[in-house]
N, C-alpha and C. Protein backbone atom coordinates (compact mmCIF):
# COMPACT_ATOMS: atom_id res chain seq x y z
N ALA A 1 19.47 17.99 -55.89
CA ALA A 1 18.55 17.34 -54.98
C ALA A 1 17.75 18.37 -54.19
N HIS A 2 18.39 19.46 -53.80
CA HIS A 2 17.69 20.49 -53.03
C HIS A 2 16.56 21.10 -53.85
N LYS A 3 16.81 21.36 -55.12
CA LYS A 3 15.79 21.94 -56.00
C LYS A 3 14.59 20.98 -56.11
N TRP A 4 14.87 19.69 -56.26
CA TRP A 4 13.81 18.70 -56.40
C TRP A 4 13.01 18.58 -55.09
N LEU A 5 13.70 18.58 -53.95
CA LEU A 5 13.02 18.43 -52.66
C LEU A 5 12.21 19.66 -52.27
N THR A 6 12.56 20.81 -52.77
CA THR A 6 11.83 22.02 -52.40
C THR A 6 10.77 22.41 -53.42
N ASP A 7 10.53 21.61 -54.41
CA ASP A 7 9.48 21.87 -55.39
C ASP A 7 8.13 21.87 -54.66
N PRO A 8 7.33 22.95 -54.75
CA PRO A 8 6.07 23.04 -54.00
C PRO A 8 5.09 21.91 -54.29
N LYS A 9 4.97 21.49 -55.55
CA LYS A 9 4.05 20.40 -55.86
C LYS A 9 4.49 19.10 -55.21
N LEU A 10 5.78 18.85 -55.22
CA LEU A 10 6.30 17.63 -54.62
C LEU A 10 6.09 17.64 -53.11
N LEU A 11 6.27 18.79 -52.50
CA LEU A 11 6.10 18.88 -51.05
C LEU A 11 4.68 18.54 -50.63
N VAL A 12 3.71 19.05 -51.33
CA VAL A 12 2.32 18.80 -50.97
C VAL A 12 1.95 17.33 -51.16
N LEU A 13 2.35 16.76 -52.27
CA LEU A 13 1.95 15.38 -52.57
C LEU A 13 2.77 14.34 -51.82
N THR A 14 3.97 14.68 -51.41
CA THR A 14 4.84 13.67 -50.83
C THR A 14 4.99 13.78 -49.32
N TRP A 15 5.11 14.99 -48.83
CA TRP A 15 5.49 15.16 -47.43
C TRP A 15 4.34 15.53 -46.51
N CYS A 16 3.21 15.98 -47.02
CA CYS A 16 2.11 16.41 -46.16
C CYS A 16 1.21 15.23 -45.80
N LYS A 17 0.86 15.13 -44.53
CA LYS A 17 0.05 14.02 -44.07
C LYS A 17 -1.34 14.04 -44.69
N TYR A 18 -1.90 15.21 -44.90
CA TYR A 18 -3.26 15.26 -45.44
C TYR A 18 -3.34 14.77 -46.89
N ALA A 19 -2.22 14.69 -47.58
CA ALA A 19 -2.23 14.23 -48.96
C ALA A 19 -2.31 12.71 -49.06
N PHE A 20 -2.06 12.00 -47.95
CA PHE A 20 -2.16 10.55 -47.97
C PHE A 20 -3.61 10.13 -47.81
N LYS A 21 -3.94 8.95 -48.31
CA LYS A 21 -5.29 8.43 -48.14
C LYS A 21 -5.45 7.96 -46.70
N PHE A 22 -6.63 8.16 -46.14
CA PHE A 22 -6.88 7.83 -44.74
C PHE A 22 -7.03 6.33 -44.51
N TYR A 23 -7.71 5.64 -45.42
CA TYR A 23 -8.01 4.23 -45.24
C TYR A 23 -6.93 3.36 -45.88
N PRO A 24 -6.68 2.17 -45.29
CA PRO A 24 -5.71 1.28 -45.92
C PRO A 24 -6.29 0.69 -47.20
N ARG A 25 -5.45 0.37 -48.12
CA ARG A 25 -5.93 -0.21 -49.38
C ARG A 25 -6.38 -1.64 -49.19
N CYS A 26 -5.75 -2.33 -48.27
CA CYS A 26 -6.12 -3.73 -48.04
C CYS A 26 -5.86 -4.07 -46.58
N ASP A 27 -6.84 -4.59 -45.88
CA ASP A 27 -6.66 -4.97 -44.49
C ASP A 27 -6.43 -6.47 -44.31
N VAL A 28 -6.23 -7.18 -45.41
CA VAL A 28 -6.07 -8.63 -45.35
C VAL A 28 -4.81 -9.01 -44.58
N LEU A 29 -3.72 -8.29 -44.79
CA LEU A 29 -2.47 -8.62 -44.13
C LEU A 29 -2.62 -8.54 -42.62
N MET A 30 -3.21 -7.48 -42.12
CA MET A 30 -3.38 -7.34 -40.68
C MET A 30 -4.35 -8.37 -40.15
N ASN A 31 -5.39 -8.64 -40.87
CA ASN A 31 -6.38 -9.62 -40.44
C ASN A 31 -5.76 -11.02 -40.39
N ASN A 32 -5.01 -11.39 -41.42
CA ASN A 32 -4.38 -12.70 -41.44
C ASN A 32 -3.33 -12.82 -40.35
N LEU A 33 -2.60 -11.75 -40.09
CA LEU A 33 -1.60 -11.75 -39.04
C LEU A 33 -2.24 -11.98 -37.68
N SER A 34 -3.34 -11.31 -37.42
CA SER A 34 -4.05 -11.47 -36.15
C SER A 34 -4.61 -12.88 -36.00
N LYS A 35 -5.19 -13.41 -37.05
CA LYS A 35 -5.75 -14.75 -36.99
C LYS A 35 -4.66 -15.79 -36.77
N ALA A 36 -3.54 -15.63 -37.43
CA ALA A 36 -2.44 -16.59 -37.27
C ALA A 36 -1.90 -16.55 -35.85
N PHE A 37 -1.72 -15.35 -35.30
CA PHE A 37 -1.22 -15.24 -33.93
C PHE A 37 -2.20 -15.81 -32.94
N ASN A 38 -3.48 -15.52 -33.10
CA ASN A 38 -4.49 -16.04 -32.18
C ASN A 38 -4.57 -17.56 -32.25
N SER A 39 -4.42 -18.15 -33.43
CA SER A 39 -4.48 -19.60 -33.52
C SER A 39 -3.26 -20.26 -32.88
N ILE A 40 -2.11 -19.60 -32.92
CA ILE A 40 -0.91 -20.15 -32.30
C ILE A 40 -0.98 -20.08 -30.78
N ILE A 41 -1.48 -19.00 -30.24
CA ILE A 41 -1.47 -18.88 -28.78
C ILE A 41 -2.54 -19.74 -28.11
N LEU A 42 -3.39 -20.40 -28.89
CA LEU A 42 -4.34 -21.35 -28.29
C LEU A 42 -3.60 -22.45 -27.56
N ILE A 43 -2.40 -22.78 -28.00
CA ILE A 43 -1.59 -23.82 -27.36
C ILE A 43 -1.28 -23.41 -25.92
N ALA A 44 -1.04 -22.14 -25.68
CA ALA A 44 -0.60 -21.67 -24.36
C ALA A 44 -1.75 -21.21 -23.47
N ARG A 45 -2.94 -21.14 -23.97
CA ARG A 45 -4.04 -20.56 -23.20
C ARG A 45 -4.44 -21.37 -21.98
N ASP A 46 -4.21 -22.66 -21.97
CA ASP A 46 -4.62 -23.47 -20.83
C ASP A 46 -3.58 -23.48 -19.71
N LYS A 47 -2.47 -22.79 -19.90
CA LYS A 47 -1.40 -22.73 -18.89
C LYS A 47 -1.68 -21.61 -17.90
N PRO A 48 -1.02 -21.64 -16.73
CA PRO A 48 -1.11 -20.51 -15.81
C PRO A 48 -0.57 -19.23 -16.48
N ILE A 49 -0.96 -18.08 -15.98
CA ILE A 49 -0.70 -16.81 -16.67
C ILE A 49 0.78 -16.55 -16.91
N LEU A 50 1.62 -16.77 -15.92
CA LEU A 50 3.06 -16.52 -16.11
C LEU A 50 3.68 -17.50 -17.10
N THR A 51 3.28 -18.74 -17.02
CA THR A 51 3.78 -19.74 -17.96
C THR A 51 3.31 -19.42 -19.37
N MET A 52 2.05 -18.99 -19.49
CA MET A 52 1.51 -18.62 -20.80
C MET A 52 2.28 -17.44 -21.40
N LEU A 53 2.51 -16.41 -20.60
CA LEU A 53 3.23 -15.24 -21.10
C LEU A 53 4.67 -15.59 -21.47
N GLU A 54 5.30 -16.44 -20.70
CA GLU A 54 6.65 -16.89 -21.02
C GLU A 54 6.67 -17.68 -22.32
N TRP A 55 5.67 -18.54 -22.52
CA TRP A 55 5.58 -19.31 -23.77
C TRP A 55 5.40 -18.39 -24.97
N ILE A 56 4.53 -17.40 -24.84
CA ILE A 56 4.29 -16.46 -25.94
C ILE A 56 5.55 -15.64 -26.21
N ARG A 57 6.24 -15.19 -25.16
CA ARG A 57 7.48 -14.43 -25.33
C ARG A 57 8.53 -15.27 -26.06
N THR A 58 8.69 -16.53 -25.65
CA THR A 58 9.65 -17.42 -26.28
C THR A 58 9.28 -17.67 -27.74
N TYR A 59 8.01 -17.89 -27.99
CA TYR A 59 7.56 -18.12 -29.37
C TYR A 59 7.86 -16.92 -30.27
N ILE A 60 7.55 -15.73 -29.78
CA ILE A 60 7.79 -14.52 -30.58
C ILE A 60 9.29 -14.32 -30.83
N MET A 61 10.10 -14.58 -29.80
CA MET A 61 11.55 -14.43 -29.98
C MET A 61 12.08 -15.42 -31.02
N GLU A 62 11.57 -16.65 -30.99
CA GLU A 62 11.99 -17.64 -31.99
C GLU A 62 11.56 -17.25 -33.38
N ARG A 63 10.39 -16.66 -33.52
CA ARG A 63 9.90 -16.21 -34.84
C ARG A 63 10.75 -15.07 -35.38
N PHE A 64 11.19 -14.16 -34.49
CA PHE A 64 12.03 -13.05 -34.93
C PHE A 64 13.38 -13.54 -35.41
N ILE A 65 13.91 -14.58 -34.78
CA ILE A 65 15.21 -15.12 -35.17
C ILE A 65 15.12 -15.86 -36.49
N ALA A 66 14.05 -16.60 -36.70
CA ALA A 66 13.94 -17.44 -37.91
C ALA A 66 13.64 -16.66 -39.14
């Protein structure tokens, strides 16, 4: 394993940050995630600020559990 991990070609292509592509291949996942979250919090937007934040916190906690 040590020989494989210290191979110079492998180090450049695998471990160096500059060898990675800068741009994401697809931004659909992040865009869909943002849209879904924004559409859900519309329910809480008409509440007072503390109640709204508590609702959002509870919603996120329930999503993490499920």
